[in-house]
Amino acid sequence: MNKVIITTDSTCDLSDELLEKYNIKMIPLYVMFGEETYLDRVDITTERLYELVEQKGMIPKTATPSSEVYYEFFKKYVDEGYSIVHIPVSSKLSGAYQQSFLASQQFEEGRVHIVDSFSLSSGVGLVAMKASQWAKMGLSAQEIADKARVIAPRVQTAFVIDTMEYLYKGGRCSGIANFIGTLLKIKPIIHMKDGAMEVGEKPVGKKKAYEILLNKIYRDKDNLDPEFVMVTHSLNFEAAEYLKAELRKNLEIENLYETVAGCTISSHCGKGTIGILYITKK
């Protein structure tokens, strides 16, 4: 049986330290400002992204690598004797699943497995970290892929949007909704449902919005997989500290990780966005 390595893309929003700790390899997506193209997390950071948004007065577009780029990425590990379980961002949000799947077909059957995360941000990372733990236990690539496909739909994702500007410019809300939302200080909650982003509750003010995030995971207390819980944000460090303190006070969590959202989630949701992500047992 070949040794197994877990791979993902830069939407996973796992820190470099977590990628190293769990031996997860990452392929970057593209961030594009007009004709300028950057590799997410390689030659552009979240901080730099917002600087460019201010300078250029535009929100960037994101794109997935071609199947040829994925092939070269996978080949490096296949040549080292690995079988691969690759976990990309949800197939309903990006072409990453399709392009990586096309690349996987160029290897012998069973060598590269593509698992749809049905998620984004550290929801992708959660599935990758669980897969990494199974790889350490000595499971085969097929066994890991099968288990990952079972837990992927159980990833719970909820983000508070601090500014509606990015939803508006990204075509996810109307100009009127943006104007009224900003005027009333509405902080929409974004959920993932069946692999797609969906605007849920629309509380007024941050305090109420953070309350909704916390109450969601509290309701799942008895069904919570305690191994990993993520607090992921786009440069909202103060809120992250508050949410982590509340989670530690009210829940028993084995690994509570704070990570900063990369350019992909930040491009779509904007500065100040923050979420709590976790997996349920069923």
Protein backbone atom coordinates (compact mmCIF):
# COMPACT_ATOMS: atom_id res chain seq x y z
CA MET A 1 0.00 0.00 0.00
CA ASN A 2 1.31 3.44 -0.92
CA LYS A 3 1.88 6.05 1.76
CA VAL A 4 -0.82 8.75 1.69
CA ILE A 5 -0.57 12.53 1.57
CA ILE A 6 -3.43 15.01 2.00
CA THR A 7 -3.62 18.03 -0.31
CA THR A 8 -5.97 21.00 -0.54
CA ASP A 9 -6.16 24.49 -2.05
CA SER A 10 -5.58 27.95 -0.62
CA THR A 11 -9.26 28.43 0.20
CA CYS A 12 -8.70 26.10 3.20
CA ASP A 13 -7.61 29.07 5.36
CA LEU A 14 -5.32 26.91 7.49
CA SER A 15 -2.25 28.75 8.75
CA ASP A 16 1.20 27.73 7.55
CA GLU A 17 1.77 26.29 11.04
CA LEU A 18 -1.32 24.07 10.79
CA LEU A 19 -0.44 22.94 7.27
CA GLU A 20 2.97 21.90 8.55
CA LYS A 21 1.65 20.32 11.76
CA TYR A 22 -0.82 18.12 9.88
CA ASN A 23 1.43 17.61 6.84
CA ILE A 24 -1.14 19.03 4.40
CA LYS A 25 0.12 20.31 1.04
CA MET A 26 -1.58 23.29 -0.59
CA ILE A 27 -2.01 24.54 -4.15
CA PRO A 28 -2.74 28.28 -4.49
CA LEU A 29 -5.69 29.73 -6.38
CA TYR A 30 -5.33 32.92 -8.42
CA VAL A 31 -6.31 36.43 -7.33
CA MET A 32 -6.72 38.89 -10.20
CA PHE A 33 -6.86 42.69 -10.22
CA GLY A 34 -7.55 43.45 -13.85
CA GLU A 35 -4.50 42.16 -15.74
CA GLU A 36 -2.43 41.57 -12.60
CA THR A 37 -2.49 37.98 -11.34
CA TYR A 38 -1.27 36.84 -7.93
CA LEU A 39 -0.92 33.42 -6.31
CA ASP A 40 -3.07 33.39 -3.19
CA ARG A 41 -0.88 33.19 -0.04
CA VAL A 42 2.28 32.95 -2.15
CA ASP A 43 2.74 36.47 -3.50
CA ILE A 44 -0.28 38.24 -1.99
CA THR A 45 -1.50 38.39 1.61
CA THR A 46 -4.89 39.40 2.98
CA GLU A 47 -3.41 42.68 4.20
CA ARG A 48 -2.01 43.45 0.75
CA LEU A 49 -5.33 42.49 -0.85
CA TYR A 50 -7.13 45.24 1.04
CA GLU A 51 -4.40 47.75 0.23
CA LEU A 52 -4.90 47.02 -3.47
CA VAL A 53 -8.69 47.24 -3.15
CA GLU A 54 -8.26 50.76 -1.73
CA GLN A 55 -5.67 51.79 -4.34
CA LYS A 56 -7.51 50.41 -7.36
CA GLY A 57 -11.10 50.96 -6.21
CA MET A 58 -12.05 47.45 -7.32
CA ILE A 59 -12.64 44.04 -5.81
CA PRO A 60 -10.49 41.27 -7.34
CA LYS A 61 -11.72 38.17 -9.08
CA THR A 62 -10.47 34.72 -8.14
CA ALA A 63 -9.75 31.77 -10.43
CA THR A 64 -8.72 28.16 -10.16
CA PRO A 65 -5.59 26.63 -11.72
CA SER A 66 -5.96 24.61 -14.90
CA SER A 67 -5.99 20.82 -14.90
CA GLU A 68 -2.42 20.95 -16.27
CA VAL A 69 -1.27 22.87 -13.20
CA TYR A 70 -3.05 20.40 -10.93
CA TYR A 71 -1.44 17.52 -12.80
CA GLU A 72 2.06 18.89 -12.12
CA PHE A 73 1.14 19.53 -8.48
CA PHE A 74 -0.07 15.93 -8.02
CA LYS A 75 2.75 14.39 -10.07
CA LYS A 76 5.38 15.64 -7.66
CA TYR A 77 3.88 13.55 -4.84
CA VAL A 78 2.95 10.56 -7.00
CA ASP A 79 6.58 10.42 -8.17
CA GLU A 80 7.61 10.30 -4.50
CA GLY A 81 5.46 7.20 -4.03
CA TYR A 82 2.38 8.78 -2.49
CA SER A 83 -1.29 8.20 -3.07
CA ILE A 84 -3.18 11.48 -2.74
CA VAL A 85 -6.46 12.56 -1.17
CA HIS A 86 -7.18 16.07 -2.46
CA ILE A 87 -9.86 18.20 -0.79
CA PRO A 88 -10.80 21.36 -2.75
CA VAL A 89 -13.30 24.15 -2.06
CA SER A 90 -16.94 23.26 -2.79
CA SER A 91 -17.66 22.36 -6.41
CA LYS A 92 -20.61 24.80 -6.32
CA LEU A 93 -18.33 27.75 -5.59
CA SER A 94 -15.37 27.16 -7.87
CA GLY A 95 -13.98 25.14 -10.77
CA ALA A 96 -11.31 23.74 -8.44
CA TYR A 97 -13.07 20.39 -8.02
CA GLN A 98 -13.57 19.92 -11.76
CA GLN A 99 -10.01 20.88 -12.73
CA SER A 100 -8.43 18.74 -10.01
CA PHE A 101 -10.69 15.81 -10.96
CA LEU A 102 -9.64 16.10 -14.62
CA ALA A 103 -5.99 16.01 -13.52
CA SER A 104 -6.59 12.98 -11.28
CA GLN A 105 -7.83 10.99 -14.30
CA GLN A 106 -4.36 11.12 -15.82
CA PHE A 107 -2.94 8.86 -13.10
CA GLU A 108 -3.55 5.16 -12.56
CA GLU A 109 -6.89 4.43 -10.94
CA GLY A 110 -6.93 4.93 -7.17
CA ARG A 111 -3.75 7.01 -7.06
CA VAL A 112 -5.39 10.46 -6.72
CA HIS A 113 -8.77 10.79 -4.97
CA ILE A 114 -10.74 14.05 -5.18
CA VAL A 115 -13.19 14.72 -2.33
CA ASP A 116 -15.71 17.55 -2.67
CA SER A 117 -15.57 19.47 0.62
CA PHE A 118 -19.00 21.10 0.05
CA SER A 119 -17.44 23.93 2.03
CA LEU A 120 -15.20 26.98 1.95
CA SER A 121 -12.56 28.58 4.12
CA SER A 122 -11.50 26.54 7.17
CA GLY A 123 -14.50 24.26 6.57
CA VAL A 124 -12.30 22.82 3.80
CA GLY A 125 -9.44 22.82 6.31
CA LEU A 126 -11.47 20.84 8.85
CA VAL A 127 -12.00 17.99 6.38
CA ALA A 128 -8.31 18.10 5.42
CA MET A 129 -7.18 17.92 9.07
CA LYS A 130 -9.47 14.97 9.78
CA ALA A 131 -8.11 13.24 6.67
CA SER A 132 -4.57 13.92 7.88
CA GLN A 133 -5.33 12.21 11.19
CA TRP A 134 -6.63 9.15 9.35
CA ALA A 135 -3.50 9.08 7.20
CA LYS A 136 -1.38 9.03 10.38
CA MET A 137 -3.44 6.06 11.57
CA GLY A 138 -2.36 4.16 8.46
CA LEU A 139 -5.63 4.12 6.52
CA SER A 140 -5.44 3.73 2.75
CA ALA A 141 -6.19 6.60 0.39
CA GLN A 142 -9.49 4.96 -0.57
CA GLU A 143 -10.51 4.53 3.08
CA ILE A 144 -9.61 8.16 3.86
CA ALA A 145 -11.50 9.47 0.84
CA ASP A 146 -14.57 7.42 1.80
CA LYS A 147 -14.53 8.73 5.38
CA ALA A 148 -13.94 12.30 4.22
CA ARG A 149 -16.97 12.12 1.92
CA VAL A 150 -19.08 11.10 4.91
CA ILE A 151 -18.02 13.99 7.15
CA ALA A 152 -17.86 16.74 4.50
CA PRO A 153 -21.65 17.39 4.52
CA ARG A 154 -21.52 17.61 8.33
CA VAL A 155 -19.22 20.65 8.37
CA GLN A 156 -21.11 23.58 9.92
CA THR A 157 -20.20 27.03 8.61
CA ALA A 158 -21.46 30.46 9.65
CA PHE A 159 -19.80 33.82 8.99
CA VAL A 160 -20.76 37.33 10.09
CA ILE A 161 -20.27 39.90 7.33
CA ASP A 162 -19.03 43.23 8.73
CA THR A 163 -19.58 45.26 5.55
CA MET A 164 -22.15 44.56 2.84
CA GLU A 165 -20.01 46.32 0.21
CA TYR A 166 -18.34 43.12 -0.94
CA LEU A 167 -21.63 41.19 -1.18
CA TYR A 168 -23.00 44.07 -3.27
CA LYS A 169 -20.00 44.35 -5.58
CA GLY A 170 -19.90 40.58 -5.89
CA GLY A 171 -23.54 40.55 -7.05
CA ARG A 172 -24.89 38.81 -3.91
CA CYS A 173 -27.14 41.69 -2.85
CA SER A 174 -28.76 44.69 -4.54
CA GLY A 175 -27.69 48.32 -4.29
CA ILE A 176 -30.79 49.08 -2.24
CA ALA A 177 -30.09 46.19 0.16
CA ASN A 178 -26.49 47.42 0.49
CA PHE A 179 -27.63 50.98 1.24
CA ILE A 180 -30.29 49.96 3.77
CA GLY A 181 -28.04 47.34 5.35
CA THR A 182 -25.24 49.85 5.83
CA LEU A 183 -27.62 52.49 7.17
CA LEU A 184 -29.16 50.11 9.72
CA LYS A 185 -25.83 48.44 10.58
CA ILE A 186 -27.13 45.04 9.48
CA LYS A 187 -24.53 42.26 9.80
CA PRO A 188 -25.71 39.39 7.57
CA ILE A 189 -24.88 35.79 8.47
CA ILE A 190 -23.56 33.63 5.63
CA HIS A 191 -24.18 29.87 5.86
CA MET A 192 -23.16 27.01 3.62
CA LYS A 193 -26.11 24.91 2.44
CA ASP A 194 -25.61 21.93 0.12
CA GLY A 195 -22.22 23.30 -0.89
CA ALA A 196 -23.41 26.83 -1.76
CA MET A 197 -23.27 30.16 0.08
CA GLU A 198 -26.59 31.40 1.43
CA VAL A 199 -27.46 34.63 3.24
CA GLY A 200 -29.29 33.72 6.44
CA GLU A 201 -30.13 35.88 9.44
CA LYS A 202 -29.73 39.66 9.20
CA PRO A 203 -29.14 40.91 12.74
CA VAL A 204 -28.57 44.58 13.57
CA GLY A 205 -25.18 45.18 15.16
CA LYS A 206 -22.13 43.02 15.82
CA LYS A 207 -23.13 41.95 19.34
CA LYS A 208 -26.32 40.28 18.13
CA ALA A 209 -24.52 38.75 15.16
CA TYR A 210 -21.83 37.17 17.35
CA GLU A 211 -24.56 35.89 19.66
CA ILE A 212 -26.13 34.07 16.69
CA LEU A 213 -22.77 32.45 15.80
CA LEU A 214 -22.24 31.24 19.36
CA ASN A 215 -25.81 30.02 19.83
CA LYS A 216 -25.54 27.95 16.65
CA ILE A 217 -22.62 25.90 17.98
CA TYR A 218 -24.12 25.78 21.50
CA ARG A 219 -27.25 24.17 20.05
CA ASP A 220 -25.00 21.51 18.55
CA LYS A 221 -23.14 20.93 21.83
CA ASP A 222 -24.22 17.30 22.22
CA ASN A 223 -23.62 16.58 18.54
CA LEU A 224 -20.29 18.43 18.29
CA ASP A 225 -17.14 16.63 17.16
CA PRO A 226 -14.78 18.16 19.77
CA GLU A 227 -11.52 17.40 17.95
CA PHE A 228 -11.38 20.64 15.93
CA VAL A 229 -13.25 23.96 16.05
CA MET A 230 -12.16 26.91 13.91
CA VAL A 231 -12.54 30.67 14.40
CA THR A 232 -11.60 32.17 11.04
CA HIS A 233 -11.64 35.87 10.25
CA SER A 234 -10.53 38.52 7.79
CA LEU A 235 -8.37 40.69 10.07
CA ASN A 236 -10.93 40.85 12.90
CA PHE A 237 -8.56 39.91 15.72
CA GLU A 238 -10.54 41.52 18.55
CA ALA A 239 -13.73 39.61 17.75
CA ALA A 240 -11.71 36.40 17.37
CA GLU A 241 -10.40 36.75 20.93
CA TYR A 242 -13.94 37.33 22.23
CA LEU A 243 -15.40 34.32 20.39
CA LYS A 244 -12.55 32.02 21.47
CA ALA A 245 -12.99 33.04 25.12
CA GLU A 246 -16.74 32.34 24.96
CA LEU A 247 -16.20 28.97 23.27
CA ARG A 248 -13.60 27.91 25.85
CA LYS A 249 -15.93 28.97 28.67
CA ASN A 250 -18.94 27.05 27.39
CA LEU A 251 -17.64 24.04 25.45
CA GLU A 252 -15.06 21.28 25.80
CA ILE A 253 -12.97 21.54 22.64
CA GLU A 254 -9.75 19.59 22.07
CA ASN A 255 -8.24 21.93 19.46
CA LEU A 256 -9.63 25.46 19.07
CA TYR A 257 -7.76 27.16 16.23
CA GLU A 258 -7.84 30.78 15.09
CA THR A 259 -6.89 31.40 11.46
CA VAL A 260 -6.89 34.42 9.17
CA ALA A 261 -8.93 34.10 5.98
CA GLY A 262 -6.92 34.17 2.79
CA CYS A 263 -7.64 36.24 -0.28
CA THR A 264 -10.43 34.06 -1.66
CA ILE A 265 -12.91 34.35 1.23
CA SER A 266 -11.76 37.93 1.87
CA SER A 267 -12.44 38.90 -1.76
CA HIS A 268 -16.02 37.69 -1.48
CA CYS A 269 -16.92 38.70 2.07
CA GLY A 270 -14.72 41.66 2.97
CA LYS A 271 -12.66 42.94 5.88
CA GLY A 272 -13.96 42.15 9.36
CA THR A 273 -15.76 38.95 8.32
CA ILE A 274 -15.56 36.29 11.05
CA GLY A 275 -16.91 32.76 11.38
CA ILE A 276 -17.12 29.68 13.57
CA LEU A 277 -16.70 26.37 11.77
CA TYR A 278 -16.98 22.84 13.17
CA ILE A 279 -18.09 19.29 12.38
CA THR A 280 -21.09 17.50 13.85
CA LYS A 281 -21.06 13.81 14.71
CA LYS A 282 -24.15 13.12 12.61
